[in-house]
Protein backbone atom coordinates (compact mmCIF):
# COMPACT_ATOMS: atom_id res chain seq x y z
CA MET A 1 79.08 106.35 90.76
CA THR A 2 79.91 103.21 88.83
CA MET A 3 78.44 99.83 89.66
CA PHE A 4 81.94 98.62 90.62
CA SER A 5 82.69 101.19 93.30
CA ASP A 6 81.13 100.23 96.61
CA LEU A 7 83.13 101.96 99.34
CA THR A 8 80.57 101.57 102.11
CA GLY A 9 82.07 101.70 105.59
CA GLN A 10 85.47 102.98 104.48
CA VAL A 11 87.13 106.20 105.61
CA ALA A 12 88.77 108.10 102.74
CA PHE A 13 91.17 111.05 103.03
CA ILE A 14 91.51 113.18 99.90
CA THR A 15 94.11 115.94 99.78
CA GLY A 16 93.38 118.98 97.64
CA GLY A 17 89.66 118.27 97.82
CA THR A 18 88.22 121.75 97.37
CA ARG A 19 88.27 122.05 93.58
CA GLY A 20 88.69 120.22 90.31
CA ILE A 21 89.54 116.53 90.42
CA GLY A 22 89.81 116.56 94.21
CA ALA A 23 86.30 117.93 94.69
CA ALA A 24 84.98 115.34 92.23
CA CYS A 25 86.70 112.61 94.26
CA VAL A 26 85.05 113.88 97.45
CA ARG A 27 81.65 113.70 95.78
CA THR A 28 82.19 110.36 94.03
CA PHE A 29 83.62 108.61 97.08
CA ALA A 30 80.78 109.88 99.28
CA GLU A 31 78.24 108.67 96.72
CA ALA A 32 79.97 105.27 96.76
CA GLY A 33 79.33 105.04 100.51
CA ALA A 34 82.61 106.21 102.03
CA THR A 35 83.04 108.63 104.90
CA VAL A 36 85.23 111.34 103.40
CA ALA A 37 87.74 113.72 104.93
CA TYR A 38 89.48 116.23 102.69
CA CYS A 39 91.82 119.15 103.07
CA GLY A 40 92.52 122.30 101.11
CA ALA A 41 94.87 125.24 101.36
CA GLY A 42 92.29 127.92 102.16
CA PRO A 43 89.22 128.68 104.29
CA ALA A 44 86.95 127.22 101.60
CA ALA A 45 88.00 123.77 102.80
CA ALA A 46 85.91 124.04 105.99
CA HIS A 47 83.06 121.55 105.89
CA ASP A 48 81.59 119.41 108.62
CA THR A 49 78.77 116.89 108.34
CA GLU A 50 78.37 113.35 109.59
CA ARG A 51 80.09 111.81 106.56
CA ILE A 52 82.07 114.65 104.98
CA PHE A 53 84.71 116.61 106.87
CA GLY A 54 86.81 119.33 105.28
CA PHE A 55 89.62 121.29 106.89
CA THR A 56 92.48 123.63 106.04
CA ALA A 57 96.00 122.22 105.80
CA ASP A 58 99.33 123.57 104.58
CA LEU A 59 100.91 120.53 102.98
CA ALA A 60 103.90 122.55 101.79
CA GLU A 61 104.95 123.04 105.41
CA PRO A 62 107.37 120.26 106.48
CA ARG A 63 105.06 118.86 109.18
CA GLY A 64 101.88 119.66 107.27
CA PRO A 65 101.21 116.12 106.01
CA HIS A 66 101.74 114.65 109.49
CA LYS A 67 99.29 117.17 110.98
CA ALA A 68 96.69 116.54 108.27
CA VAL A 69 96.73 112.76 108.67
CA ALA A 70 96.59 113.13 112.46
CA GLU A 71 93.53 115.37 112.16
CA VAL A 72 91.66 112.78 110.11
CA ILE A 73 92.56 109.97 112.52
CA ALA A 74 91.52 112.11 115.48
CA ARG A 75 88.13 112.63 113.83
CA PHE A 76 87.41 109.16 112.41
CA GLY A 77 89.86 106.83 114.15
CA ARG A 78 91.47 105.44 111.00
CA ILE A 79 92.11 105.91 107.28
CA ASP A 80 91.24 103.14 104.81
CA ILE A 81 91.76 105.12 101.60
CA LEU A 82 94.22 107.91 100.82
CA VAL A 83 94.06 109.97 97.64
CA ASN A 84 97.15 112.15 97.21
CA ASN A 85 95.56 114.69 94.91
CA ALA A 86 96.93 118.01 96.23
CA GLY A 87 99.22 119.65 93.72
CA VAL A 88 100.27 122.83 92.01
CA PHE A 89 100.53 123.30 88.25
CA ASP A 90 103.46 125.32 87.00
CA THR A 91 104.54 126.52 83.56
CA THR A 92 107.85 128.14 84.48
CA ASP A 93 110.33 127.79 81.64
CA LEU A 94 113.55 125.81 82.09
CA PHE A 95 115.74 128.91 82.23
CA ASP A 96 113.47 130.74 84.66
CA VAL A 97 113.17 128.07 87.36
CA THR A 98 114.59 129.23 90.70
CA PRO A 99 115.52 127.05 93.69
CA GLU A 100 112.50 128.49 95.56
CA ASN A 101 110.18 127.70 92.65
CA TRP A 102 111.56 124.16 92.35
CA ASP A 103 111.29 123.46 96.08
CA HIS A 104 107.71 124.77 96.33
CA ILE A 105 106.45 122.58 93.48
CA HIS A 106 108.17 119.45 94.77
CA ALA A 107 107.11 120.12 98.36
CA ILE A 108 103.44 119.96 97.42
CA ASN A 109 103.44 117.60 94.45
CA LEU A 110 105.92 115.03 95.77
CA ARG A 111 107.04 115.47 99.38
CA ALA A 112 103.50 115.88 100.71
CA ALA A 113 102.37 112.75 98.86
CA PHE A 114 105.22 110.73 100.36
CA PHE A 115 104.65 111.83 103.95
CA CYS A 116 100.87 111.55 103.76
CA THR A 117 101.40 108.01 102.49
CA GLN A 118 103.95 107.24 105.18
CA GLN A 119 101.66 108.41 107.97
CA ALA A 120 98.43 106.93 106.60
CA ALA A 121 100.07 103.57 105.89
CA MET A 122 100.92 103.26 109.57
CA THR A 123 97.19 103.16 110.31
CA MET A 124 96.52 100.68 107.49
CA LYS A 125 99.16 98.06 108.33
CA ASP A 126 96.87 95.84 110.37
CA SER A 127 93.73 95.99 108.24
CA GLY A 128 94.98 96.92 104.75
CA GLY A 129 94.03 99.88 102.62
CA THR A 130 94.34 101.61 99.28
CA ILE A 131 96.34 104.62 98.15
CA ILE A 132 95.92 106.62 94.96
CA ASN A 133 98.63 109.03 93.80
CA MET A 134 97.85 111.71 91.23
CA SER A 135 100.48 112.02 88.53
CA SER A 136 99.99 113.54 85.08
CA ILE A 137 100.64 112.87 81.43
CA ALA A 138 103.50 115.35 81.95
CA GLY A 139 105.15 112.76 84.19
CA GLN A 140 105.06 110.27 81.31
CA ASN A 141 106.05 112.37 78.29
CA GLY A 142 107.55 115.54 79.78
CA GLY A 143 104.44 117.60 79.07
CA SER A 144 103.53 119.71 76.06
CA LEU A 145 104.46 123.03 77.67
CA GLY A 146 108.08 122.28 78.57
CA ASN A 147 107.73 122.90 82.31
CA PRO A 148 110.48 120.74 83.87
CA ALA A 149 109.83 121.35 87.58
CA TYR A 150 106.20 120.24 87.27
CA ALA A 151 106.95 117.33 84.92
CA SER A 152 109.74 116.01 87.13
CA SER A 153 107.54 116.12 90.23
CA LYS A 154 104.87 114.11 88.44
CA ALA A 155 107.38 111.62 87.03
CA ALA A 156 108.68 111.09 90.55
CA ILE A 157 105.13 110.29 91.71
CA ILE A 158 105.13 107.33 89.32
CA GLY A 159 108.35 106.00 90.82
CA LEU A 160 107.03 106.60 94.31
CA THR A 161 103.88 104.65 93.49
CA LYS A 162 105.80 101.60 92.34
CA ALA A 163 108.19 101.68 95.30
CA MET A 164 105.36 102.05 97.80
CA ALA A 165 103.32 99.31 96.10
CA ARG A 166 106.22 96.87 96.51
CA ARG A 167 106.95 97.88 100.08
CA LEU A 168 103.35 97.90 101.33
CA ALA A 169 101.95 94.85 99.54
CA LYS A 170 102.80 92.56 102.46
CA SER A 171 100.50 94.71 104.61
CA ASN A 172 97.69 94.33 102.03
CA ILE A 173 97.97 98.00 101.09
CA ARG A 174 97.52 98.62 97.39
CA VAL A 175 99.08 101.68 95.76
CA ASN A 176 98.17 102.89 92.28
CA CYS A 177 98.63 106.03 90.25
CA LEU A 178 96.43 108.06 87.91
CA ALA A 179 97.98 110.06 85.09
CA PRO A 180 95.35 112.41 83.64
CA ALA A 181 95.95 114.66 80.68
CA ASP A 182 93.90 117.83 80.19
CA ILE A 183 90.76 117.82 82.32
CA GLU A 184 87.97 120.41 82.31
CA THR A 185 88.39 122.38 85.54
CA ASP A 186 88.15 126.03 86.52
CA MET A 187 91.90 126.27 85.90
CA THR A 188 91.94 124.83 82.38
CA ALA A 189 88.80 126.81 81.49
CA GLY A 190 90.92 129.94 81.86
CA TRP A 191 93.64 128.82 79.46
CA PRO A 192 93.87 130.76 76.17
CA ASP A 193 91.78 129.22 73.43
CA GLU A 194 94.87 128.80 71.27
CA ILE A 195 96.47 126.51 73.86
CA ARG A 196 93.23 124.60 74.49
CA GLN A 197 92.76 123.94 70.78
CA LYS A 198 96.38 122.83 70.41
CA LEU A 199 95.95 120.31 73.24
CA ILE A 200 92.62 119.07 71.86
CA GLY A 201 94.28 118.70 68.47
CA ILE A 202 96.86 116.22 69.79
CA THR A 203 94.23 114.21 71.68
CA PRO A 204 92.70 111.38 69.60
CA LEU A 205 89.33 111.72 71.36
CA GLN A 206 89.38 115.43 70.46
CA ARG A 207 88.29 116.83 73.82
CA PHE A 208 89.35 117.45 77.38
CA GLY A 209 88.31 114.90 79.98
CA SER A 210 85.85 115.50 82.80
CA VAL A 211 86.66 115.41 86.50
CA ASP A 212 84.16 112.58 86.94
CA GLU A 213 86.06 110.48 84.41
CA VAL A 214 89.03 110.68 86.77
CA SER A 215 87.23 110.38 90.11
CA GLU A 216 85.29 107.28 89.07
CA VAL A 217 88.49 105.48 88.08
CA ALA A 218 89.95 106.43 91.46
CA ALA A 219 86.88 105.04 93.24
CA PHE A 220 87.06 101.81 91.22
CA LEU A 221 90.73 101.32 92.16
CA CYS A 222 89.81 101.69 95.83
CA SER A 223 86.99 99.14 95.63
CA SER A 224 87.07 95.37 96.05
CA SER A 225 86.63 95.03 92.29
CA ALA A 226 90.26 96.16 91.91
CA SER A 227 91.65 93.97 94.71
CA TYR A 228 94.38 92.46 92.49
CA ILE A 229 95.60 95.77 91.04
CA THR A 230 98.63 97.48 92.58
CA GLY A 231 101.69 99.39 91.38
CA GLN A 232 99.92 100.48 88.20
CA VAL A 233 99.78 103.78 86.33
CA ILE A 234 96.34 104.32 84.81
CA SER A 235 96.44 106.83 81.96
CA ILE A 236 93.30 108.95 81.59
CA ASN A 237 94.13 111.06 78.60
CA GLY A 238 91.84 110.41 75.62
CA GLY A 239 94.73 108.71 73.84
CA ALA A 240 97.01 111.75 74.02
CA PHE A 241 100.00 109.78 75.30
CA MET A 242 99.99 107.78 72.06
CA SER A 243 100.51 111.06 70.24
CA GLY A 244 103.35 112.27 72.41
């Protein structure tokens, strides 16, 4: 936890909170004093203590985001912070993308983020709040693997962030976006060494980032120390975007 991120008394909802960056956000936000609800796609999401509540949600299902937000509000009465972290990574080549593949990626990476934001913002309109959307370096430079369905969903998140920031500012709701590059998670740990070394080679800091380096920026953006920051895309990529 950084010295800037005091989230005491706030209720945070983090989608995709069972692994990787999402799990780090759950931990970091709780350490910063927030009450945290999170959802995941499988049974591993189940968790229930006084300040941390995890549950299973299918955000790809059309009404999934509405149900997830309603569950958090039923449990805690409100949402002060929303982190749209749930997402699927996809490497399908341009000529192999099917309509089903395209729709699945955009349903989770983009549609779920929009409708979670829509529903959560309704509860924030009177008292304000903060929203973090998770994009990717692939949404800024098209990605290094040439996966258009994934890259387009993450580019759309950037546009969504700016549109929502403009629309919700009058309700004192701030909306920002994080665009990480390659982060050390259980997923990236399984990538072939050849690919990992190629990605490290185009990163000026010569390493992957850590999940905490992302979650602590997210916590800072949700704190009072960032109260004049909205509509921004924060790149967390070790300088890799300069190279691409």
